[in-house]
Each structure stands twice: as C-alpha cells, then as structure tokens.
Amino acid sequence: MNHAPARTVVLARALPAAFEAACLLHCADVSAAGRRRAEPPTPTTGAAEFDQPPAATRLTWLLTALGYDATQEQLSGGGRRQYHLQRVVLPDPQRIPADRMLGTAWRQGRLVLLQAETLGASALRHAQRATLAHAAWRAALLAGGRRRRADMIGVSLGDQEMAAVLVRAARLVGVTAEVTRRPGCLIVAIPPAAASFLMATRLPTAIPA
C-alpha cells in the first residue's frame, strides 16, 4: 500500500479508530508507571505487544480498517513456566507512517476529551466526544490489566496521561472513575455496569474512504 506523507490532522471519520488504536498502545506501555513524563509518549506500532489476545486482535482490526497491512502473531517463552505474548506487526515501510498517524490521533483525541466544555457546543461535537470516550475505555478494558472487586472493575496503567484521559472520558458519559496508586502502576476503576456500557459501542466494519 502506498501511504501519502503523514497528515498533521487525522480526518474526523478516521479519528475514532486511530485514537482507539493509540490508546491500546498507551495502555500496553508500563515503562513509566505512575510518573509524568517529560514529553508525552509516542505510540509505536513496532512494539505493540499484549498479554491478552483480544487487545491484539482489536489493534490488528483497527489498523487494517485504517488501510495498513497489520498481522497478529503469538510469541511464547519461559521454559517450564510458559508465557504467551500477542504481537501486532506492520510491514517496515508502513511503521513510520502508522506511528505518525497514531501519534497525531492521540494528541487530537486527548485534546478533544480534556478541553473545557463550552456552552452551546454542537450536537456533533458532543457526539464526537462521546465516541472518543467509548474508544478510550474500550482500549483500556481490552489492554489494561483488569482488577476486579465486588463493586468495581479497574484497569492497571503505566501511563499517567492515559489515566487522565480515562477519568475525563468516564465523566463525559456520566460515569464516575476512581484513581488509585499502586506500586508500579495506576488503577482507574469504574462500576461493572459502566464497563459493560463502555464496551458496548462498536465502530463500523470499515473506515469510509
């Protein structure tokens, strides 16, 4: 596939898918757990590895819908105590364009969600924010390490910026999220019913050209 030079803006029709893909990568990154970084992390498709197959499957689907040739593979290791990782792979020529697009989508989507609400915002704007809120939480529930209590479902994150996005996203759809610090991670928790609601909305099967 021949990709044009990276856009400085991701078009509105592609933003939900691209933002969700970027969120999946941010949820998989635990390299700076609970610490604010000097610069926002850049999603990297060349390092997309997940513990859970559904997260890798979702990222593969999203990248494919966005026009990339994504494939999913399983890595195993550990000898007697085996572990399995799911990796999403792009052809080398597509990695830089994909990384640039997802980085742009992350910045755009995050800005849309975190900016102050304004009176008189259009119904289209509200719908866009709700769609991005669902996308962020869908990614977190798939890729973040889930922690269950009787009354809450939490996701384990190493990215403070992603945690802030999830808290704001929850608020935008009428859900209260709690943030707790744990050694090596942040836990963002919501009620189980809210988790089911946030997972329910699905993107179309293809991104319009």
C-alpha atoms as a PDB file:
ATOM      1  CA  MET A   1       0.000   0.000   0.000  1.00  0.00           C
ATOM      2  CA  ASN A   2       1.312   3.436  -0.878  1.00  0.00           C
ATOM      3  CA  HIS A   3       0.862   5.855   2.018  1.00  0.00           C
ATOM      4  CA  ALA A   4       0.918   9.602   1.463  1.00  0.00           C
ATOM      5  CA  PRO A   5       3.036  11.793   3.760  1.00  0.00           C
ATOM      6  CA  ALA A   6       1.660  11.946   7.294  1.00  0.00           C
ATOM      7  CA  ARG A   7      -1.092  14.456   7.888  1.00  0.00           C
ATOM      8  CA  THR A   8      -0.815  16.993  10.689  1.00  0.00           C
ATOM      9  CA  VAL A   9      -4.503  16.307  11.390  1.00  0.00           C
ATOM     10  CA  VAL A  10      -6.352  12.988  11.340  1.00  0.00           C
ATOM     11  CA  LEU A  11      -9.628  13.379   9.463  1.00  0.00           C
ATOM     12  CA  ALA A  12     -12.767  13.184  11.610  1.00  0.00           C
ATOM     13  CA  ARG A  13     -14.031   9.970  10.009  1.00  0.00           C
ATOM     14  CA  ALA A  14     -10.791   8.145  10.878  1.00  0.00           C
ATOM     15  CA  LEU A  15     -10.152   9.719  14.289  1.00  0.00           C
ATOM     16  CA  PRO A  16     -12.164   7.274  16.471  1.00  0.00           C
ATOM     17  CA  ALA A  17     -10.364   4.235  15.060  1.00  0.00           C
ATOM     18  CA  ALA A  18      -6.939   5.889  15.099  1.00  0.00           C
ATOM     19  CA  PHE A  19      -7.445   7.232  18.625  1.00  0.00           C
ATOM     20  CA  GLU A  20      -8.570   3.841  19.924  1.00  0.00           C
ATOM     21  CA  ALA A  21      -5.510   2.227  18.335  1.00  0.00           C
ATOM     22  CA  ALA A  22      -3.278   4.827  20.002  1.00  0.00           C
ATOM     23  CA  CYS A  23      -4.994   4.194  23.345  1.00  0.00           C
ATOM     24  CA  LEU A  24      -4.363   0.462  23.015  1.00  0.00           C
ATOM     25  CA  LEU A  25      -0.659   1.199  22.648  1.00  0.00           C
ATOM     26  CA  HIS A  26      -0.657   3.593  25.600  1.00  0.00           C
ATOM     27  CA  CYS A  27      -2.405   1.004  27.773  1.00  0.00           C
ATOM     28  CA  ALA A  28       0.209  -1.585  26.837  1.00  0.00           C
ATOM     29  CA  ASP A  29       3.078   0.737  27.858  1.00  0.00           C
ATOM     30  CA  VAL A  30       4.117   0.255  31.506  1.00  0.00           C
ATOM     31  CA  SER A  31       7.619   1.687  31.177  1.00  0.00           C
ATOM     32  CA  ALA A  32       6.876   4.780  33.296  1.00  0.00           C
ATOM     33  CA  ALA A  33       4.203   3.625  35.688  1.00  0.00           C
ATOM     34  CA  GLY A  34       2.522   6.423  37.582  1.00  0.00           C
ATOM     35  CA  ARG A  35       5.082   9.069  36.634  1.00  0.00           C
ATOM     36  CA  ARG A  36       4.533  12.110  34.466  1.00  0.00           C
ATOM     37  CA  ARG A  37       6.924  12.039  31.540  1.00  0.00           C
ATOM     38  CA  ALA A  38       8.989  14.970  30.334  1.00  0.00           C
ATOM     39  CA  GLU A  39       7.284  14.513  26.957  1.00  0.00           C
ATOM     40  CA  PRO A  40       4.098  12.643  26.051  1.00  0.00           C
ATOM     41  CA  PRO A  41       4.931   9.072  24.967  1.00  0.00           C
ATOM     42  CA  THR A  42       4.711   8.302  21.283  1.00  0.00           C
ATOM     43  CA  PRO A  43       2.713   5.186  20.361  1.00  0.00           C
ATOM     44  CA  THR A  44       4.900   2.756  18.434  1.00  0.00           C
ATOM     45  CA  THR A  45       3.347   0.038  16.318  1.00  0.00           C
ATOM     46  CA  GLY A  46       6.715  -1.709  16.101  1.00  0.00           C
ATOM     47  CA  ALA A  47       6.464  -2.518  19.836  1.00  0.00           C
ATOM     48  CA  ALA A  48       2.799  -3.481  20.079  1.00  0.00           C
ATOM     49  CA  GLU A  49       2.715  -6.461  22.430  1.00  0.00           C
ATOM     50  CA  PHE A  50      -0.172  -7.513  24.657  1.00  0.00           C
ATOM     51  CA  ASP A  51      -0.856 -10.165  27.261  1.00  0.00           C
ATOM     52  CA  GLN A  52      -4.451 -10.552  26.109  1.00  0.00           C
ATOM     53  CA  PRO A  53      -5.344 -11.788  22.589  1.00  0.00           C
ATOM     54  CA  PRO A  54      -8.491  -9.586  22.309  1.00  0.00           C
ATOM     55  CA  ALA A  55      -6.379  -6.415  22.599  1.00  0.00           C
ATOM     56  CA  ALA A  56      -4.038  -7.528  19.817  1.00  0.00           C
ATOM     57  CA  THR A  57      -6.964  -8.649  17.682  1.00  0.00           C
ATOM     58  CA  ARG A  58      -8.639  -5.271  18.137  1.00  0.00           C
ATOM     59  CA  LEU A  59      -5.491  -3.339  17.217  1.00  0.00           C
ATOM     60  CA  THR A  60      -4.991  -5.529  14.156  1.00  0.00           C
ATOM     61  CA  TRP A  61      -8.571  -4.854  13.075  1.00  0.00           C
ATOM     62  CA  LEU A  62      -8.270  -1.101  13.640  1.00  0.00           C
ATOM     63  CA  LEU A  63      -5.015  -0.778  11.702  1.00  0.00           C
ATOM     64  CA  THR A  64      -6.436  -2.863   8.874  1.00  0.00           C
ATOM     65  CA  ALA A  65      -9.557  -0.688   8.770  1.00  0.00           C
ATOM     66  CA  LEU A  66      -7.283   2.355   8.567  1.00  0.00           C
ATOM     67  CA  GLY A  67      -5.569   0.900   5.497  1.00  0.00           C
ATOM     68  CA  TYR A  68      -2.488  -0.795   6.953  1.00  0.00           C
ATOM     69  CA  ASP A  69      -1.400  -4.405   6.432  1.00  0.00           C
ATOM     70  CA  ALA A  70      -1.429  -5.473  10.081  1.00  0.00           C
ATOM     71  CA  THR A  71      -0.923  -9.063  11.201  1.00  0.00           C
ATOM     72  CA  GLN A  72      -1.087 -10.712  14.618  1.00  0.00           C
ATOM     73  CA  GLU A  73       1.362 -13.292  15.906  1.00  0.00           C
ATOM     74  CA  GLN A  74       1.929 -15.134  19.179  1.00  0.00           C
ATOM     75  CA  LEU A  75       5.259 -15.265  20.991  1.00  0.00           C
ATOM     76  CA  SER A  76       5.949 -17.912  23.626  1.00  0.00           C
ATOM     77  CA  GLY A  77       8.751 -18.339  26.119  1.00  0.00           C
ATOM     78  CA  GLY A  78       9.618 -19.008  29.718  1.00  0.00           C
ATOM     79  CA  GLY A  79      10.535 -22.686  29.661  1.00  0.00           C
ATOM     80  CA  ARG A  80       8.549 -24.650  32.246  1.00  0.00           C
ATOM     81  CA  ARG A  81       6.596 -21.532  33.226  1.00  0.00           C
ATOM     82  CA  GLN A  82       5.486 -20.566  29.783  1.00  0.00           C
ATOM     83  CA  TYR A  83       4.073 -17.193  28.902  1.00  0.00           C
ATOM     84  CA  HIS A  84       2.436 -16.039  25.701  1.00  0.00           C
ATOM     85  CA  LEU A  85       2.517 -12.567  24.188  1.00  0.00           C
ATOM     86  CA  GLN A  86       0.428 -11.300  21.312  1.00  0.00           C
ATOM     87  CA  ARG A  87       2.282  -9.031  18.893  1.00  0.00           C
ATOM     88  CA  VAL A  88       0.812  -6.831  16.173  1.00  0.00           C
ATOM     89  CA  VAL A  89       3.162  -6.375  13.235  1.00  0.00           C
ATOM     90  CA  LEU A  90       3.222  -3.975  10.294  1.00  0.00           C
ATOM     91  CA  PRO A  91       5.494  -4.162   7.237  1.00  0.00           C
ATOM     92  CA  ASP A  92       8.581  -1.991   7.756  1.00  0.00           C
ATOM     93  CA  PRO A  93       7.589   0.650   5.149  1.00  0.00           C
ATOM     94  CA  GLN A  94       4.281   1.221   6.973  1.00  0.00           C
ATOM     95  CA  ARG A  95       5.579   1.580  10.527  1.00  0.00           C
ATOM     96  CA  ILE A  96       6.722   5.198  10.414  1.00  0.00           C
ATOM     97  CA  PRO A  97       3.544   6.471   8.675  1.00  0.00           C
ATOM     98  CA  ALA A  98       1.402   4.488  11.134  1.00  0.00           C
ATOM     99  CA  ASP A  99       3.317   5.775  14.154  1.00  0.00           C
ATOM    100  CA  ARG A 100       2.954   9.351  12.938  1.00  0.00           C
ATOM    101  CA  MET A 101      -0.752   8.941  12.323  1.00  0.00           C
ATOM    102  CA  LEU A 102      -1.389   7.353  15.725  1.00  0.00           C
ATOM    103  CA  GLY A 103       0.695   9.996  17.466  1.00  0.00           C
ATOM    104  CA  THR A 104      -1.383  12.699  15.789  1.00  0.00           C
ATOM    105  CA  ALA A 105      -4.630  10.889  16.626  1.00  0.00           C
ATOM    106  CA  TRP A 106      -3.575  10.593  20.272  1.00  0.00           C
ATOM    107  CA  ARG A 107      -2.899  14.319  20.537  1.00  0.00           C
ATOM    108  CA  GLN A 108      -6.133  15.236  18.746  1.00  0.00           C
ATOM    109  CA  GLY A 109      -8.336  12.835  20.678  1.00  0.00           C
ATOM    110  CA  ARG A 110      -6.789  13.746  24.008  1.00  0.00           C
ATOM    111  CA  LEU A 111      -7.307  17.451  23.297  1.00  0.00           C
ATOM    112  CA  VAL A 112     -10.958  16.895  22.375  1.00  0.00           C
ATOM    113  CA  LEU A 113     -11.606  14.970  25.590  1.00  0.00           C
ATOM    114  CA  LEU A 114      -9.631  17.142  28.020  1.00  0.00           C
ATOM    115  CA  GLN A 115     -10.556  20.593  26.784  1.00  0.00           C
ATOM    116  CA  ALA A 116     -13.050  22.569  28.852  1.00  0.00           C
ATOM    117  CA  GLU A 117     -16.683  22.058  27.966  1.00  0.00           C
ATOM    118  CA  THR A 118     -18.262  25.091  26.352  1.00  0.00           C
ATOM    119  CA  LEU A 119     -21.871  26.207  26.400  1.00  0.00           C
ATOM    120  CA  GLY A 120     -23.567  25.932  23.052  1.00  0.00           C
ATOM    121  CA  ALA A 121     -21.318  23.184  21.698  1.00  0.00           C
ATOM    122  CA  SER A 122     -22.926  21.456  18.743  1.00  0.00           C
ATOM    123  CA  ALA A 123     -24.597  18.064  18.943  1.00  0.00           C
ATOM    124  CA  LEU A 124     -21.952  16.811  16.508  1.00  0.00           C
ATOM    125  CA  ARG A 125     -19.191  17.926  18.880  1.00  0.00           C
ATOM    126  CA  HIS A 126     -20.857  16.200  21.834  1.00  0.00           C
ATOM    127  CA  ALA A 127     -21.265  13.030  19.762  1.00  0.00           C
ATOM    128  CA  GLN A 128     -17.588  13.110  18.787  1.00  0.00           C
ATOM    129  CA  ARG A 129     -16.517  13.403  22.414  1.00  0.00           C
ATOM    130  CA  ALA A 130     -18.777  10.533  23.455  1.00  0.00           C
ATOM    131  CA  THR A 131     -17.405   8.357  20.647  1.00  0.00           C
ATOM    132  CA  LEU A 132     -13.816   9.079  21.674  1.00  0.00           C
ATOM    133  CA  ALA A 133     -14.684   8.446  25.336  1.00  0.00           C
ATOM    134  CA  HIS A 134     -16.009   4.997  24.452  1.00  0.00           C
ATOM    135  CA  ALA A 135     -12.937   4.339  22.291  1.00  0.00           C
ATOM    136  CA  ALA A 136     -10.551   5.184  25.142  1.00  0.00           C
ATOM    137  CA  TRP A 137     -12.334   2.945  27.618  1.00  0.00           C
ATOM    138  CA  ARG A 138     -12.751   0.104  25.146  1.00  0.00           C
ATOM    139  CA  ALA A 139      -8.977   0.147  24.625  1.00  0.00           C
ATOM    140  CA  ALA A 140      -8.281   0.258  28.361  1.00  0.00           C
ATOM    141  CA  LEU A 141     -10.647  -2.598  29.167  1.00  0.00           C
ATOM    142  CA  LEU A 142      -9.051  -4.731  26.454  1.00  0.00           C
ATOM    143  CA  ALA A 143      -5.374  -3.888  27.022  1.00  0.00           C
ATOM    144  CA  GLY A 144      -5.102  -2.651  30.617  1.00  0.00           C
ATOM    145  CA  GLY A 145      -4.575  -5.353  33.215  1.00  0.00           C
ATOM    146  CA  ARG A 146      -8.032  -5.728  34.770  1.00  0.00           C
ATOM    147  CA  ARG A 147      -8.505  -5.851  38.534  1.00  0.00           C
ATOM    148  CA  ARG A 148     -11.903  -6.865  39.859  1.00  0.00           C
ATOM    149  CA  ARG A 149     -13.548  -6.088  43.160  1.00  0.00           C
ATOM    150  CA  ALA A 150     -17.107  -6.788  44.163  1.00  0.00           C
ATOM    151  CA  ASP A 151     -18.261  -3.301  43.224  1.00  0.00           C
ATOM    152  CA  MET A 152     -15.614  -2.036  40.768  1.00  0.00           C
ATOM    153  CA  ILE A 153     -13.586  -3.050  37.729  1.00  0.00           C
ATOM    154  CA  GLY A 154     -10.165  -1.440  37.486  1.00  0.00           C
ATOM    155  CA  VAL A 155      -7.584  -1.208  34.730  1.00  0.00           C
ATOM    156  CA  SER A 156      -3.886  -1.162  35.506  1.00  0.00           C
ATOM    157  CA  LEU A 157      -1.901   1.500  33.646  1.00  0.00           C
ATOM    158  CA  GLY A 158       1.665   2.706  33.462  1.00  0.00           C
ATOM    159  CA  ASP A 159       0.742   5.944  31.688  1.00  0.00           C
ATOM    160  CA  GLN A 160      -0.471   8.902  33.749  1.00  0.00           C
ATOM    161  CA  GLU A 161      -1.695  10.740  30.659  1.00  0.00           C
ATOM    162  CA  MET A 162      -3.857   7.753  29.717  1.00  0.00           C
ATOM    163  CA  ALA A 163      -5.266   7.652  33.246  1.00  0.00           C
ATOM    164  CA  ALA A 164      -6.278  11.318  32.946  1.00  0.00           C
ATOM    165  CA  VAL A 165      -7.945  10.612  29.604  1.00  0.00           C
ATOM    166  CA  LEU A 166      -9.936   7.739  31.122  1.00  0.00           C
ATOM    167  CA  VAL A 167     -11.144   9.798  34.081  1.00  0.00           C
ATOM    168  CA  ARG A 168     -12.286  12.572  31.759  1.00  0.00           C
ATOM    169  CA  ALA A 169     -13.811  10.123  29.274  1.00  0.00           C
ATOM    170  CA  ALA A 170     -15.815   8.472  32.045  1.00  0.00           C
ATOM    171  CA  ARG A 171     -17.127  11.829  33.227  1.00  0.00           C
ATOM    172  CA  LEU A 172     -18.229  12.787  29.712  1.00  0.00           C
ATOM    173  CA  VAL A 173     -20.533   9.751  29.546  1.00  0.00           C
ATOM    174  CA  GLY A 174     -21.858  10.141  33.088  1.00  0.00           C
ATOM    175  CA  VAL A 175     -19.611   7.612  34.849  1.00  0.00           C
ATOM    176  CA  THR A 176     -17.522   8.252  37.963  1.00  0.00           C
ATOM    177  CA  ALA A 177     -13.985   6.858  37.825  1.00  0.00           C
ATOM    178  CA  GLU A 178     -11.643   6.373  40.778  1.00  0.00           C
ATOM    179  CA  VAL A 179      -7.852   6.547  40.539  1.00  0.00           C
ATOM    180  CA  THR A 180      -5.599   4.673  42.966  1.00  0.00           C
ATOM    181  CA  ARG A 181      -1.816   4.476  43.012  1.00  0.00           C
ATOM    182  CA  ARG A 182      -0.251   1.062  43.443  1.00  0.00           C
ATOM    183  CA  PRO A 183       3.419   0.069  43.327  1.00  0.00           C
ATOM    184  CA  GLY A 184       4.415   0.305  39.679  1.00  0.00           C
ATOM    185  CA  CYS A 185       1.049   1.351  38.285  1.00  0.00           C
ATOM    186  CA  LEU A 186      -2.116   3.414  38.469  1.00  0.00           C
ATOM    187  CA  ILE A 187      -5.534   1.794  38.819  1.00  0.00           C
ATOM    188  CA  VAL A 188      -8.523   3.527  37.212  1.00  0.00           C
ATOM    189  CA  ALA A 189     -11.747   1.868  38.351  1.00  0.00           C
ATOM    190  CA  ILE A 190     -15.408   2.102  37.333  1.00  0.00           C
ATOM    191  CA  PRO A 191     -18.565   0.145  38.249  1.00  0.00           C
ATOM    192  CA  PRO A 192     -19.084  -3.153  36.353  1.00  0.00           C
ATOM    193  CA  ALA A 193     -22.284  -1.880  34.717  1.00  0.00           C
ATOM    194  CA  ALA A 194     -20.370   1.118  33.369  1.00  0.00           C
ATOM    195  CA  ALA A 195     -17.682  -1.178  31.969  1.00  0.00           C
ATOM    196  CA  SER A 196     -20.304  -3.144  30.050  1.00  0.00           C
ATOM    197  CA  PHE A 197     -21.819   0.102  28.749  1.00  0.00           C
ATOM    198  CA  LEU A 198     -18.458   1.494  27.634  1.00  0.00           C
ATOM    199  CA  MET A 199     -17.536  -1.732  25.833  1.00  0.00           C
ATOM    200  CA  ALA A 200     -20.874  -1.939  24.022  1.00  0.00           C
ATOM    201  CA  THR A 201     -20.393   0.699  21.316  1.00  0.00           C
ATOM    202  CA  ARG A 202     -18.599  -0.658  18.263  1.00  0.00           C
ATOM    203  CA  LEU A 203     -17.010   1.041  15.304  1.00  0.00           C
ATOM    204  CA  PRO A 204     -18.245   0.269  11.793  1.00  0.00           C
ATOM    205  CA  THR A 205     -16.589  -2.611   9.969  1.00  0.00           C
ATOM    206  CA  ALA A 206     -14.676  -0.246   7.688  1.00  0.00           C
ATOM    207  CA  ILE A 207     -13.426   3.323   7.817  1.00  0.00           C
ATOM    208  CA  PRO A 208     -15.016   5.348   4.999  1.00  0.00           C
ATOM    209  CA  ALA A 209     -12.560   6.416   2.327  1.00  0.00           C
END
